[in-house]
Every structure is written in C-alpha cells, then in structure tokens.
C-alpha cells in the first residue's frame, strides 16, 4: 500500500529555507515517496533527513536545476526551449489576430532519472 502526504505551507516560498521549515513534517509523516515542486525543496528535505540520521527518502524533484545533478536527484525537467518557443508562438498568433479564440498550448516534461 502506498501513502501520500499533502502539506500546505501558507505564506511559504519555494526556497530552500522554507523547505527546511516543513521538511520535518514531511519526514515524520513517513511517506513511501516524496514529490517536491522544486529541486531546492527536495534539497531541504534531503538535508533534514541527513540531519536526523534518517535514510535517504525516495524523492523526486521538479526543474532539473543544477542542484539536482550534484544531489543525484531524480527530477522532472522543465522543457525550457519548448516552453519559450510555445510562449513566443502564442504571443505572435495573438498579435496577428487579437480577436482570435483562446489558445491552449501543451509542452511535455521529461523525467531525469538519477540513482
């Protein structure tokens, strides 16, 4: 059976220090896996696990920031080139036809698996 934990951090940011402020709650909940919406938050959870002498949790980050590489963190990479290209395309279409209908644009992320 898998477990999931949702922690809400009102007023917190996506920065490392704010990740430290909730990392103990995450680790105490004992989930089988942790997804962090930012690689810096994942870094904070990993730091707290080390500080507490706990084994490294199964954790997945998001961004593929440089920290993910030196943390050997599995993460979901933001496809920056595709995202920028899609945004520029949307802007150009809207400029050429301001009264056109709404535009939906999807870009696919990719998982970067590190062991």
PDB file of N, CA and C in Angstrom:
ATOM      1  N   UNK A   1       0.845  -1.176   0.000  1.00  0.00           N
ATOM      2  CA  UNK A   1       0.000   0.000   0.000  1.00  0.00           C
ATOM      3  C   UNK A   1       0.890   1.238   0.000  1.00  0.00           C
ATOM      4  N   UNK A   2       0.545   2.206  -0.801  1.00  0.00           N
ATOM      5  CA  UNK A   2       1.323   3.433  -0.855  1.00  0.00           C
ATOM      6  C   UNK A   2       0.683   4.484   0.037  1.00  0.00           C
ATOM      7  N   UNK A   3       1.506   5.419   0.453  1.00  0.00           N
ATOM      8  CA  UNK A   3       0.997   6.506   1.275  1.00  0.00           C
ATOM      9  C   UNK A   3       1.300   7.823   0.598  1.00  0.00           C
ATOM     10  N   UNK A   4       0.440   8.786   0.822  1.00  0.00           N
ATOM     11  CA  UNK A   4       0.630  10.116   0.250  1.00  0.00           C
ATOM     12  C   UNK A   4       0.386  11.146   1.344  1.00  0.00           C
ATOM     13  N   UNK A   5       1.158  12.195   1.291  1.00  0.00           N
ATOM     14  CA  UNK A   5       1.025  13.266   2.270  1.00  0.00           C
ATOM     15  C   UNK A   5       0.967  14.582   1.515  1.00  0.00           C
ATOM     16  N   UNK A   6      -0.001  15.405   1.843  1.00  0.00           N
ATOM     17  CA  UNK A   6      -0.095  16.737   1.257  1.00  0.00           C
ATOM     18  C   UNK A   6       0.096  17.736   2.383  1.00  0.00           C
ATOM     19  N   UNK A   7       1.124  18.535   2.249  1.00  0.00           N
ATOM     20  CA  UNK A   7       1.374  19.573   3.245  1.00  0.00           C
ATOM     21  C   UNK A   7       1.171  20.925   2.603  1.00  0.00           C
ATOM     22  N   UNK A   8       0.434  21.740   3.263  1.00  0.00           N
ATOM     23  CA  UNK A   8       0.181  23.086   2.762  1.00  0.00           C
ATOM     24  C   UNK A   8       1.003  24.060   3.583  1.00  0.00           C
ATOM     25  N   UNK A   9       1.734  24.897   2.916  1.00  0.00           N
ATOM     26  CA  UNK A   9       2.614  25.850   3.595  1.00  0.00           C
ATOM     27  C   UNK A   9       2.153  27.256   3.250  1.00  0.00           C
ATOM     28  N   UNK A  10       1.241  27.773   3.980  1.00  0.00           N
ATOM     29  CA  UNK A  10       0.717  29.107   3.697  1.00  0.00           C
ATOM     30  C   UNK A  10       1.786  30.157   3.955  1.00  0.00           C
ATOM     31  N   UNK A  11       1.964  31.031   2.965  1.00  0.00           N
ATOM     32  CA  UNK A  11       2.915  32.110   3.117  1.00  0.00           C
ATOM     33  C   UNK A  11       4.356  31.718   2.822  1.00  0.00           C
ATOM     34  N   UNK A  12       4.608  30.443   2.641  1.00  0.00           N
ATOM     35  CA  UNK A  12       5.973  29.994   2.369  1.00  0.00           C
ATOM     36  C   UNK A  12       6.296  30.168   0.891  1.00  0.00           C
ATOM     37  N   UNK A  13       7.561  30.093   0.596  1.00  0.00           N
ATOM     38  CA  UNK A  13       8.013  30.209  -0.785  1.00  0.00           C
ATOM     39  C   UNK A  13       8.551  28.868  -1.260  1.00  0.00           C
ATOM     40  N   UNK A  14       9.133  28.883  -2.445  1.00  0.00           N
ATOM     41  CA  UNK A  14       9.724  27.670  -2.997  1.00  0.00           C
ATOM     42  C   UNK A  14      11.222  27.634  -2.747  1.00  0.00           C
ATOM     43  N   UNK A  15      11.702  28.375  -1.768  1.00  0.00           N
ATOM     44  CA  UNK A  15      13.123  28.440  -1.496  1.00  0.00           C
ATOM     45  C   UNK A  15      13.546  27.419  -0.443  1.00  0.00           C
ATOM     46  N   UNK A  16      14.828  27.142  -0.436  1.00  0.00           N
ATOM     47  CA  UNK A  16      15.434  26.137   0.441  1.00  0.00           C
ATOM     48  C   UNK A  16      15.046  26.339   1.907  1.00  0.00           C
ATOM     49  N   UNK A  17      15.178  27.550   2.425  1.00  0.00           N
ATOM     50  CA  UNK A  17      14.889  27.793   3.844  1.00  0.00           C
ATOM     51  C   UNK A  17      13.444  27.476   4.199  1.00  0.00           C
ATOM     52  N   UNK A  18      12.520  27.778   3.304  1.00  0.00           N
ATOM     53  CA  UNK A  18      11.120  27.449   3.561  1.00  0.00           C
ATOM     54  C   UNK A  18      10.890  25.945   3.474  1.00  0.00           C
ATOM     55  N   UNK A  19      11.665  25.286   2.616  1.00  0.00           N
ATOM     56  CA  UNK A  19      11.601  23.826   2.561  1.00  0.00           C
ATOM     57  C   UNK A  19      12.047  23.210   3.877  1.00  0.00           C
ATOM     58  N   UNK A  20      13.085  23.787   4.480  1.00  0.00           N
ATOM     59  CA  UNK A  20      13.545  23.300   5.787  1.00  0.00           C
ATOM     60  C   UNK A  20      12.458  23.418   6.837  1.00  0.00           C
ATOM     61  N   UNK A  21      11.638  24.470   6.727  1.00  0.00           N
ATOM     62  CA  UNK A  21      10.608  24.709   7.742  1.00  0.00           C
ATOM     63  C   UNK A  21       9.505  23.648   7.731  1.00  0.00           C
ATOM     64  N   UNK A  22       9.329  22.934   6.648  1.00  0.00           N
ATOM     65  CA  UNK A  22       8.293  21.888   6.588  1.00  0.00           C
ATOM     66  C   UNK A  22       8.864  20.483   6.428  1.00  0.00           C
ATOM     67  N   UNK A  23      10.171  20.378   6.251  1.00  0.00           N
ATOM     68  CA  UNK A  23      10.789  19.074   5.986  1.00  0.00           C
ATOM     69  C   UNK A  23      10.555  18.072   7.107  1.00  0.00           C
ATOM     70  N   UNK A  24      10.599  18.523   8.353  1.00  0.00           N
ATOM     71  CA  UNK A  24      10.360  17.593   9.464  1.00  0.00           C
ATOM     72  C   UNK A  24       8.956  17.003   9.403  1.00  0.00           C
ATOM     73  N   UNK A  25       7.965  17.831   9.059  1.00  0.00           N
ATOM     74  CA  UNK A  25       6.592  17.333   8.934  1.00  0.00           C
ATOM     75  C   UNK A  25       6.496  16.281   7.834  1.00  0.00           C
ATOM     76  N   UNK A  26       7.185  16.540   6.738  1.00  0.00           N
ATOM     77  CA  UNK A  26       7.160  15.591   5.619  1.00  0.00           C
ATOM     78  C   UNK A  26       7.772  14.264   6.054  1.00  0.00           C
ATOM     79  N   UNK A  27       8.929  14.326   6.655  1.00  0.00           N
ATOM     80  CA  UNK A  27       9.637  13.108   7.048  1.00  0.00           C
ATOM     81  C   UNK A  27       8.919  12.362   8.168  1.00  0.00           C
ATOM     82  N   UNK A  28       8.326  13.099   9.110  1.00  0.00           N
ATOM     83  CA  UNK A  28       7.601  12.476  10.212  1.00  0.00           C
ATOM     84  C   UNK A  28       6.372  11.719   9.716  1.00  0.00           C
ATOM     85  N   UNK A  29       5.772  12.209   8.630  1.00  0.00           N
ATOM     86  CA  UNK A  29       4.585  11.553   8.078  1.00  0.00           C
ATOM     87  C   UNK A  29       4.919  10.174   7.510  1.00  0.00           C
ATOM     88  N   UNK A  30       6.196   9.944   7.213  1.00  0.00           N
ATOM     89  CA  UNK A  30       6.636   8.634   6.751  1.00  0.00           C
ATOM     90  C   UNK A  30       6.113   8.184   5.404  1.00  0.00           C
ATOM     91  N   UNK A  31       6.020   9.079   4.435  1.00  0.00           N
ATOM     92  CA  UNK A  31       5.529   8.629   3.126  1.00  0.00           C
ATOM     93  C   UNK A  31       6.535   7.706   2.446  1.00  0.00           C
ATOM     94  N   UNK A  32       6.039   6.869   1.559  1.00  0.00           N
ATOM     95  CA  UNK A  32       6.920   5.968   0.812  1.00  0.00           C
ATOM     96  C   UNK A  32       7.705   6.722  -0.246  1.00  0.00           C
ATOM     97  N   UNK A  33       7.182   7.836  -0.684  1.00  0.00           N
ATOM     98  CA  UNK A  33       7.853   8.660  -1.670  1.00  0.00           C
ATOM     99  C   UNK A  33       7.428  10.099  -1.491  1.00  0.00           C
ATOM    100  N   UNK A  34       8.288  11.003  -1.963  1.00  0.00           N
ATOM    101  CA  UNK A  34       8.017  12.433  -1.813  1.00  0.00           C
ATOM    102  C   UNK A  34       8.237  13.099  -3.157  1.00  0.00           C
ATOM    103  N   UNK A  35       7.285  13.900  -3.592  1.00  0.00           N
ATOM    104  CA  UNK A  35       7.450  14.734  -4.779  1.00  0.00           C
ATOM    105  C   UNK A  35       7.525  16.174  -4.306  1.00  0.00           C
ATOM    106  N   UNK A  36       8.573  16.855  -4.711  1.00  0.00           N
ATOM    107  CA  UNK A  36       8.731  18.271  -4.377  1.00  0.00           C
ATOM    108  C   UNK A  36       8.575  19.098  -5.643  1.00  0.00           C
ATOM    109  N   UNK A  37       7.838  20.172  -5.560  1.00  0.00           N
ATOM    110  CA  UNK A  37       7.552  21.020  -6.718  1.00  0.00           C
ATOM    111  C   UNK A  37       8.719  21.916  -7.094  1.00  0.00           C
ATOM    112  N   UNK A  38       9.880  21.622  -6.555  1.00  0.00           N
ATOM    113  CA  UNK A  38      11.061  22.421  -6.827  1.00  0.00           C
ATOM    114  C   UNK A  38      12.262  21.630  -6.299  1.00  0.00           C
ATOM    115  N   UNK A  39      13.363  21.643  -7.036  1.00  0.00           N
ATOM    116  CA  UNK A  39      14.547  20.899  -6.610  1.00  0.00           C
ATOM    117  C   UNK A  39      15.143  21.434  -5.318  1.00  0.00           C
ATOM    118  N   UNK A  40      14.993  22.722  -5.041  1.00  0.00           N
ATOM    119  CA  UNK A  40      15.508  23.289  -3.784  1.00  0.00           C
ATOM    120  C   UNK A  40      14.713  22.770  -2.585  1.00  0.00           C
ATOM    121  N   UNK A  41      13.408  22.569  -2.759  1.00  0.00           N
ATOM    122  CA  UNK A  41      12.615  21.980  -1.676  1.00  0.00           C
ATOM    123  C   UNK A  41      13.059  20.548  -1.429  1.00  0.00           C
ATOM    124  N   UNK A  42      13.323  19.811  -2.501  1.00  0.00           N
ATOM    125  CA  UNK A  42      13.829  18.446  -2.356  1.00  0.00           C
ATOM    126  C   UNK A  42      15.162  18.454  -1.619  1.00  0.00           C
ATOM    127  N   UNK A  43      16.000  19.414  -1.936  1.00  0.00           N
ATOM    128  CA  UNK A  43      17.293  19.546  -1.274  1.00  0.00           C
ATOM    129  C   UNK A  43      17.094  19.742   0.233  1.00  0.00           C
ATOM    130  N   UNK A  44      16.134  20.555   0.601  1.00  0.00           N
ATOM    131  CA  UNK A  44      15.865  20.808   2.020  1.00  0.00           C
ATOM    132  C   UNK A  44      15.398  19.540   2.732  1.00  0.00           C
ATOM    133  N   UNK A  45      14.535  18.777   2.109  1.00  0.00           N
ATOM    134  CA  UNK A  45      14.056  17.529   2.713  1.00  0.00           C
ATOM    135  C   UNK A  45      15.219  16.547   2.868  1.00  0.00           C
ATOM    136  N   UNK A  46      16.059  16.448   1.848  1.00  0.00           N
ATOM    137  CA  UNK A  46      17.231  15.571   1.935  1.00  0.00           C
ATOM    138  C   UNK A  46      18.170  16.018   3.061  1.00  0.00           C
ATOM    139  N   UNK A  47      18.361  17.330   3.205  1.00  0.00           N
ATOM    140  CA  UNK A  47      19.223  17.867   4.269  1.00  0.00           C
ATOM    141  C   UNK A  47      18.698  17.471   5.638  1.00  0.00           C
ATOM    142  N   UNK A  48      17.376  17.637   5.826  1.00  0.00           N
ATOM    143  CA  UNK A  48      16.773  17.293   7.115  1.00  0.00           C
ATOM    144  C   UNK A  48      16.907  15.797   7.402  1.00  0.00           C
ATOM    145  N   UNK A  49      16.767  14.971   6.383  1.00  0.00           N
ATOM    146  CA  UNK A  49      16.923  13.527   6.581  1.00  0.00           C
ATOM    147  C   UNK A  49      18.338  13.216   7.067  1.00  0.00           C
ATOM    148  N   UNK A  50      19.322  13.845   6.457  1.00  0.00           N
ATOM    149  CA  UNK A  50      20.714  13.660   6.889  1.00  0.00           C
ATOM    150  C   UNK A  50      20.890  14.167   8.318  1.00  0.00           C
ATOM    151  N   UNK A  51      20.360  15.361   8.611  1.00  0.00           N
ATOM    152  CA  UNK A  51      20.466  15.944   9.953  1.00  0.00           C
ATOM    153  C   UNK A  51      19.871  15.019  11.020  1.00  0.00           C
ATOM    154  N   UNK A  52      18.822  14.309  10.669  1.00  0.00           N
ATOM    155  CA  UNK A  52      18.115  13.433  11.616  1.00  0.00           C
ATOM    156  C   UNK A  52      18.656  12.004  11.600  1.00  0.00           C
ATOM    157  N   UNK A  53      19.684  11.755  10.773  1.00  0.00           N
ATOM    158  CA  UNK A  53      20.256  10.405  10.703  1.00  0.00           C
ATOM    159  C   UNK A  53      19.330   9.399  10.046  1.00  0.00           C
ATOM    160  N   UNK A  54      18.427   9.890   9.218  1.00  0.00           N
ATOM    161  CA  UNK A  54      17.462   9.024   8.537  1.00  0.00           C
ATOM    162  C   UNK A  54      18.039   8.577   7.199  1.00  0.00           C
ATOM    163  N   UNK A  55      17.563   7.437   6.700  1.00  0.00           N
ATOM    164  CA  UNK A  55      17.993   7.038   5.360  1.00  0.00           C
ATOM    165  C   UNK A  55      17.432   8.012   4.323  1.00  0.00           C
ATOM    166  N   UNK A  56      18.106   8.095   3.197  1.00  0.00           N
ATOM    167  CA  UNK A  56      17.656   8.988   2.128  1.00  0.00           C
ATOM    168  C   UNK A  56      16.259   8.559   1.666  1.00  0.00           C
ATOM    169  N   UNK A  57      15.297   9.486   1.700  1.00  0.00           N
ATOM    170  CA  UNK A  57      13.950   9.129   1.257  1.00  0.00           C
ATOM    171  C   UNK A  57      13.893   9.011  -0.270  1.00  0.00           C
ATOM    172  N   UNK A  58      12.906   8.264  -0.752  1.00  0.00           N
ATOM    173  CA  UNK A  58      12.651   8.214  -2.188  1.00  0.00           C
ATOM    174  C   UNK A  58      11.987   9.533  -2.537  1.00  0.00           C
ATOM    175  N   UNK A  59      12.678  10.337  -3.321  1.00  0.00           N
ATOM    176  CA  UNK A  59      12.223  11.704  -3.568  1.00  0.00           C
ATOM    177  C   UNK A  59      12.413  12.067  -5.037  1.00  0.00           C
ATOM    178  N   UNK A  60      11.462  12.805  -5.563  1.00  0.00           N
ATOM    179  CA  UNK A  60      11.531  13.307  -6.933  1.00  0.00           C
ATOM    180  C   UNK A  60      11.338  14.813  -6.881  1.00  0.00           C
ATOM    181  N   UNK A  61      12.206  15.528  -7.573  1.00  0.00           N
ATOM    182  CA  UNK A  61      12.113  16.976  -7.629  1.00  0.00           C
ATOM    183  C   UNK A  61      11.478  17.436  -8.931  1.00  0.00           C
ATOM    184  N   UNK A  62      11.499  18.739  -9.124  1.00  0.00           N
ATOM    185  CA  UNK A  62      10.950  19.330 -10.342  1.00  0.00           C
ATOM    186  C   UNK A  62      11.796  20.539 -10.703  1.00  0.00           C
ATOM    187  N   UNK A  63      12.267  20.640 -11.901  1.00  0.00           N
ATOM    188  CA  UNK A  63      13.032  21.734 -12.501  1.00  0.00           C
ATOM    189  C   UNK A  63      14.219  21.207 -13.294  1.00  0.00           C
ATOM    190  N   UNK A  64      14.956  20.292 -12.691  1.00  0.00           N
ATOM    191  CA  UNK A  64      16.280  19.866 -13.139  1.00  0.00           C
ATOM    192  C   UNK A  64      17.249  21.035 -13.016  1.00  0.00           C
ATOM    193  N   UNK A  65      17.179  21.702 -11.882  1.00  0.00           N
ATOM    194  CA  UNK A  65      18.121  22.777 -11.552  1.00  0.00           C
ATOM    195  C   UNK A  65      19.502  22.165 -11.350  1.00  0.00           C
ATOM    196  N   UNK A  66      20.550  22.987 -11.412  1.00  0.00           N
ATOM    197  CA  UNK A  66      21.903  22.452 -11.186  1.00  0.00           C
ATOM    198  C   UNK A  66      22.033  21.659  -9.885  1.00  0.00           C
ATOM    199  N   UNK A  67      21.305  22.055  -8.858  1.00  0.00           N
ATOM    200  CA  UNK A  67      21.363  21.327  -7.580  1.00  0.00           C
ATOM    201  C   UNK A  67      20.956  19.867  -7.746  1.00  0.00           C
ATOM    202  N   UNK A  68      20.044  19.592  -8.650  1.00  0.00           N
ATOM    203  CA  UNK A  68      19.577  18.215  -8.844  1.00  0.00           C
ATOM    204  C   UNK A  68      20.720  17.304  -9.269  1.00  0.00           C
ATOM    205  N   UNK A  69      21.611  17.813 -10.074  1.00  0.00           N
ATOM    206  CA  UNK A  69      22.723  16.984 -10.534  1.00  0.00           C
ATOM    207  C   UNK A  69      23.670  16.648  -9.386  1.00  0.00           C
ATOM    208  N   UNK A  70      24.076  17.642  -8.605  1.00  0.00           N
ATOM    209  CA  UNK A  70      25.021  17.326  -7.539  1.00  0.00           C
ATOM    210  C   UNK A  70      24.370  16.637  -6.356  1.00  0.00           C
ATOM    211  N   UNK A  71      23.041  16.675  -6.273  1.00  0.00           N
ATOM    212  CA  UNK A  71      22.329  15.899  -5.254  1.00  0.00           C
ATOM    213  C   UNK A  71      22.020  14.487  -5.739  1.00  0.00           C
ATOM    214  N   UNK A  72      22.314  14.228  -7.026  1.00  0.00           N
ATOM    215  CA  UNK A  72      21.977  12.941  -7.644  1.00  0.00           C
ATOM    216  C   UNK A  72      20.470  12.683  -7.500  1.00  0.00           C
ATOM    217  N   UNK A  73      19.700  13.713  -7.801  1.00  0.00           N
ATOM    218  CA  UNK A  73      18.258  13.724  -7.588  1.00  0.00           C
ATOM    219  C   UNK A  73      17.507  13.398  -8.874  1.00  0.00           C
ATOM    220  N   UNK A  74      16.621  12.442  -8.791  1.00  0.00           N
ATOM    221  CA  UNK A  74      15.701  12.215  -9.895  1.00  0.00           C
ATOM    222  C   UNK A  74      14.735  13.387  -9.910  1.00  0.00           C
ATOM    223  N   UNK A  75      14.492  13.922 -11.088  1.00  0.00           N
ATOM    224  CA  UNK A  75      13.694  15.143 -11.180  1.00  0.00           C
ATOM    225  C   UNK A  75      12.933  15.179 -12.501  1.00  0.00           C
ATOM    226  N   UNK A  76      11.953  16.023 -12.552  1.00  0.00           N
ATOM    227  CA  UNK A  76      11.209  16.251 -13.785  1.00  0.00           C
ATOM    228  C   UNK A  76      11.711  17.564 -14.358  1.00  0.00           C
ATOM    229  N   UNK A  77      12.264  17.490 -15.546  1.00  0.00           N
ATOM    230  CA  UNK A  77      12.894  18.654 -16.165  1.00  0.00           C
ATOM    231  C   UNK A  77      11.861  19.543 -16.849  1.00  0.00           C
ATOM    232  N   UNK A  78      12.017  20.832 -16.653  1.00  0.00           N
ATOM    233  CA  UNK A  78      11.204  21.810 -17.378  1.00  0.00           C
ATOM    234  C   UNK A  78      11.794  21.927 -18.787  1.00  0.00           C
ATOM    235  N   UNK A  79      10.983  21.754 -19.811  1.00  0.00           N
ATOM    236  CA  UNK A  79      11.499  21.853 -21.183  1.00  0.00           C
ATOM    237  C   UNK A  79      11.602  23.314 -21.619  1.00  0.00           C
ATOM    238  N   UNK A  80      12.621  24.013 -21.143  1.00  0.00           N
ATOM    239  CA  UNK A  80      12.718  25.456 -21.320  1.00  0.00           C
ATOM    240  C   UNK A  80      12.656  25.897 -22.775  1.00  0.00           C
ATOM    241  N   UNK A  81      13.383  25.244 -23.656  1.00  0.00           N
ATOM    242  CA  UNK A  81      13.377  25.669 -25.063  1.00  0.00           C
ATOM    243  C   UNK A  81      11.978  25.552 -25.664  1.00  0.00           C
ATOM    244  N   UNK A  82      11.320  24.424 -25.414  1.00  0.00           N
ATOM    245  CA  UNK A  82       9.968  24.223 -25.943  1.00  0.00           C
ATOM    246  C   UNK A  82       8.984  25.204 -25.320  1.00  0.00           C
ATOM    247  N   UNK A  83       9.140  25.459 -24.025  1.00  0.00           N
ATOM    248  CA  UNK A  83       8.241  26.374 -23.333  1.00  0.00           C
ATOM    249  C   UNK A  83       8.365  27.799 -23.873  1.00  0.00           C
ATOM    250  N   UNK A  84       9.582  28.270 -24.052  1.00  0.00           N
ATOM    251  CA  UNK A  84       9.797  29.607 -24.589  1.00  0.00           C
ATOM    252  C   UNK A  84       9.291  29.694 -26.022  1.00  0.00           C
ATOM    253  N   UNK A  85       9.587  28.684 -26.819  1.00  0.00           N
ATOM    254  CA  UNK A  85       9.123  28.672 -28.208  1.00  0.00           C
ATOM    255  C   UNK A  85       7.590  28.707 -28.277  1.00  0.00           C
ATOM    256  N   UNK A  86       6.947  27.919 -27.422  1.00  0.00           N
ATOM    257  CA  UNK A  86       5.481  27.900 -27.396  1.00  0.00           C
ATOM    258  C   UNK A  86       4.928  29.257 -26.968  1.00  0.00           C
ATOM    259  N   UNK A  87       5.539  29.881 -25.959  1.00  0.00           N
ATOM    260  CA  UNK A  87       5.073  31.188 -25.493  1.00  0.00           C
ATOM    261  C   UNK A  87       5.223  32.243 -26.584  1.00  0.00           C
ATOM    262  N   UNK A  88       6.348  32.240 -27.275  1.00  0.00           N
ATOM    263  CA  UNK A  88       6.563  33.201 -28.368  1.00  0.00           C
ATOM    264  C   UNK A  88       5.531  32.965 -29.469  1.00  0.00           C
ATOM    265  N   UNK A  89       5.251  31.702 -29.772  1.00  0.00           N
ATOM    266  CA  UNK A  89       4.246  31.390 -30.786  1.00  0.00           C
ATOM    267  C   UNK A  89       2.862  31.902 -30.412  1.00  0.00           C
ATOM    268  N   UNK A  90       2.488  31.748 -29.146  1.00  0.00           N
ATOM    269  CA  UNK A  90       1.188  32.239 -28.676  1.00  0.00           C
ATOM    270  C   UNK A  90       1.129  33.755 -28.805  1.00  0.00           C
ATOM    271  N   UNK A  91       2.181  34.446 -28.388  1.00  0.00           N
ATOM    272  CA  UNK A  91       2.212  35.914 -28.473  1.00  0.00           C
ATOM    273  C   UNK A  91       2.086  36.355 -29.930  1.00  0.00           C
ATOM    274  N   UNK A  92       2.829  35.719 -30.809  1.00  0.00           N
ATOM    275  CA  UNK A  92       2.770  36.104 -32.230  1.00  0.00           C
ATOM    276  C   UNK A  92       1.392  35.870 -32.830  1.00  0.00           C
ATOM    277  N   UNK A  93       0.768  34.737 -32.476  1.00  0.00           N
ATOM    278  CA  UNK A  93      -0.587  34.469 -33.002  1.00  0.00           C
ATOM    279  C   UNK A  93      -1.590  35.500 -32.487  1.00  0.00           C
ATOM    280  N   UNK A  94      -1.470  35.852 -31.216  1.00  0.00           N
ATOM    281  CA  UNK A  94      -2.392  36.839 -30.649  1.00  0.00           C
ATOM    282  C   UNK A  94      -2.165  38.222 -31.249  1.00  0.00           C
ATOM    283  N   UNK A  95      -0.912  38.568 -31.516  1.00  0.00           N
ATOM    284  CA  UNK A  95      -0.626  39.872 -32.116  1.00  0.00           C
ATOM    285  C   UNK A  95      -1.169  39.934 -33.537  1.00  0.00           C
ATOM    286  N   UNK A  96      -1.089  38.838 -34.256  1.00  0.00           N
ATOM    287  CA  UNK A  96      -1.551  38.859 -35.645  1.00  0.00           C
ATOM    288  C   UNK A  96      -3.072  38.785 -35.743  1.00  0.00           C
ATOM    289  N   UNK A  97      -3.723  38.280 -34.712  1.00  0.00           N
ATOM    290  CA  UNK A  97      -5.176  38.159 -34.726  1.00  0.00           C
ATOM    291  C   UNK A  97      -5.706  38.317 -33.301  1.00  0.00           C
ATOM    292  N   UNK A  98      -5.744  39.564 -32.792  1.00  0.00           N
ATOM    293  CA  UNK A  98      -6.122  39.803 -31.391  1.00  0.00           C
ATOM    294  C   UNK A  98      -7.518  39.314 -31.011  1.00  0.00           C
ATOM    295  N   UNK A  99      -8.396  39.150 -31.958  1.00  0.00           N
ATOM    296  CA  UNK A  99      -9.753  38.720 -31.618  1.00  0.00           C
ATOM    297  C   UNK A  99      -9.938  37.214 -31.818  1.00  0.00           C
ATOM    298  N   UNK A 100      -8.852  36.488 -32.036  1.00  0.00           N
ATOM    299  CA  UNK A 100      -8.974  35.041 -32.227  1.00  0.00           C
ATOM    300  C   UNK A 100      -9.366  34.367 -30.916  1.00  0.00           C
ATOM    301  N   UNK A 101      -9.782  33.143 -31.022  1.00  0.00           N
ATOM    302  CA  UNK A 101     -10.216  32.404 -29.837  1.00  0.00           C
ATOM    303  C   UNK A 101      -9.017  32.074 -28.938  1.00  0.00           C
ATOM    304  N   UNK A 102      -9.336  31.622 -27.754  1.00  0.00           N
ATOM    305  CA  UNK A 102      -8.297  31.275 -26.778  1.00  0.00           C
ATOM    306  C   UNK A 102      -7.372  30.192 -27.328  1.00  0.00           C
ATOM    307  N   UNK A 103      -6.164  30.191 -26.855  1.00  0.00           N
ATOM    308  CA  UNK A 103      -5.150  29.248 -27.311  1.00  0.00           C
ATOM    309  C   UNK A 103      -4.724  28.366 -26.139  1.00  0.00           C
ATOM    310  N   UNK A 104      -4.689  27.078 -26.359  1.00  0.00           N
ATOM    311  CA  UNK A 104      -4.154  26.147 -25.367  1.00  0.00           C
ATOM    312  C   UNK A 104      -2.850  25.593 -25.919  1.00  0.00           C
ATOM    313  N   UNK A 105      -1.848  25.553 -25.090  1.00  0.00           N
ATOM    314  CA  UNK A 105      -0.540  25.078 -25.533  1.00  0.00           C
ATOM    315  C   UNK A 105      -0.004  24.100 -24.496  1.00  0.00           C
ATOM    316  N   UNK A 106       0.397  22.932 -24.934  1.00  0.00           N
ATOM    317  CA  UNK A 106       0.975  21.946 -24.040  1.00  0.00           C
ATOM    318  C   UNK A 106       2.437  21.727 -24.380  1.00  0.00           C
ATOM    319  N   UNK A 107       3.244  21.577 -23.360  1.00  0.00           N
ATOM    320  CA  UNK A 107       4.643  21.176 -23.559  1.00  0.00           C
ATOM    321  C   UNK A 107       4.877  19.967 -22.653  1.00  0.00           C
ATOM    322  N   UNK A 108       5.633  19.021 -23.135  1.00  0.00           N
ATOM    323  CA  UNK A 108       5.882  17.788 -22.400  1.00  0.00           C
ATOM    324  C   UNK A 108       7.140  17.898 -21.557  1.00  0.00           C
ATOM    325  N   UNK A 109       7.036  17.502 -20.320  1.00  0.00           N
ATOM    326  CA  UNK A 109       8.209  17.431 -19.458  1.00  0.00           C
ATOM    327  C   UNK A 109       8.898  16.096 -19.702  1.00  0.00           C
ATOM    328  N   UNK A 110      10.095  15.943 -19.148  1.00  0.00           N
ATOM    329  CA  UNK A 110      10.775  14.654 -19.234  1.00  0.00           C
ATOM    330  C   UNK A 110      11.375  14.360 -17.875  1.00  0.00           C
ATOM    331  N   UNK A 111      11.402  13.103 -17.532  1.00  0.00           N
ATOM    332  CA  UNK A 111      11.976  12.721 -16.251  1.00  0.00           C
ATOM    333  C   UNK A 111      13.465  12.436 -16.423  1.00  0.00           C
ATOM    334  N   UNK A 112      14.250  12.942 -15.512  1.00  0.00           N
ATOM    335  CA  UNK A 112      15.698  12.715 -15.492  1.00  0.00           C
ATOM    336  C   UNK A 112      15.958  11.782 -14.325  1.00  0.00           C
ATOM    337  N   UNK A 113      16.262  10.541 -14.631  1.00  0.00           N
ATOM    338  CA  UNK A 113      16.435   9.543 -13.575  1.00  0.00           C
ATOM    339  C   UNK A 113      17.915   9.491 -13.183  1.00  0.00           C
ATOM    340  N   UNK A 114      18.130   9.719 -11.917  1.00  0.00           N
ATOM    341  CA  UNK A 114      19.474   9.584 -11.341  1.00  0.00           C
ATOM    342  C   UNK A 114      19.363   8.604 -10.192  1.00  0.00           C
ATOM    343  N   UNK A 115      20.372   7.823  -9.991  1.00  0.00           N
ATOM    344  CA  UNK A 115      20.284   6.806  -8.939  1.00  0.00           C
ATOM    345  C   UNK A 115      20.887   7.248  -7.633  1.00  0.00           C
TER     346      UNK A 115
END
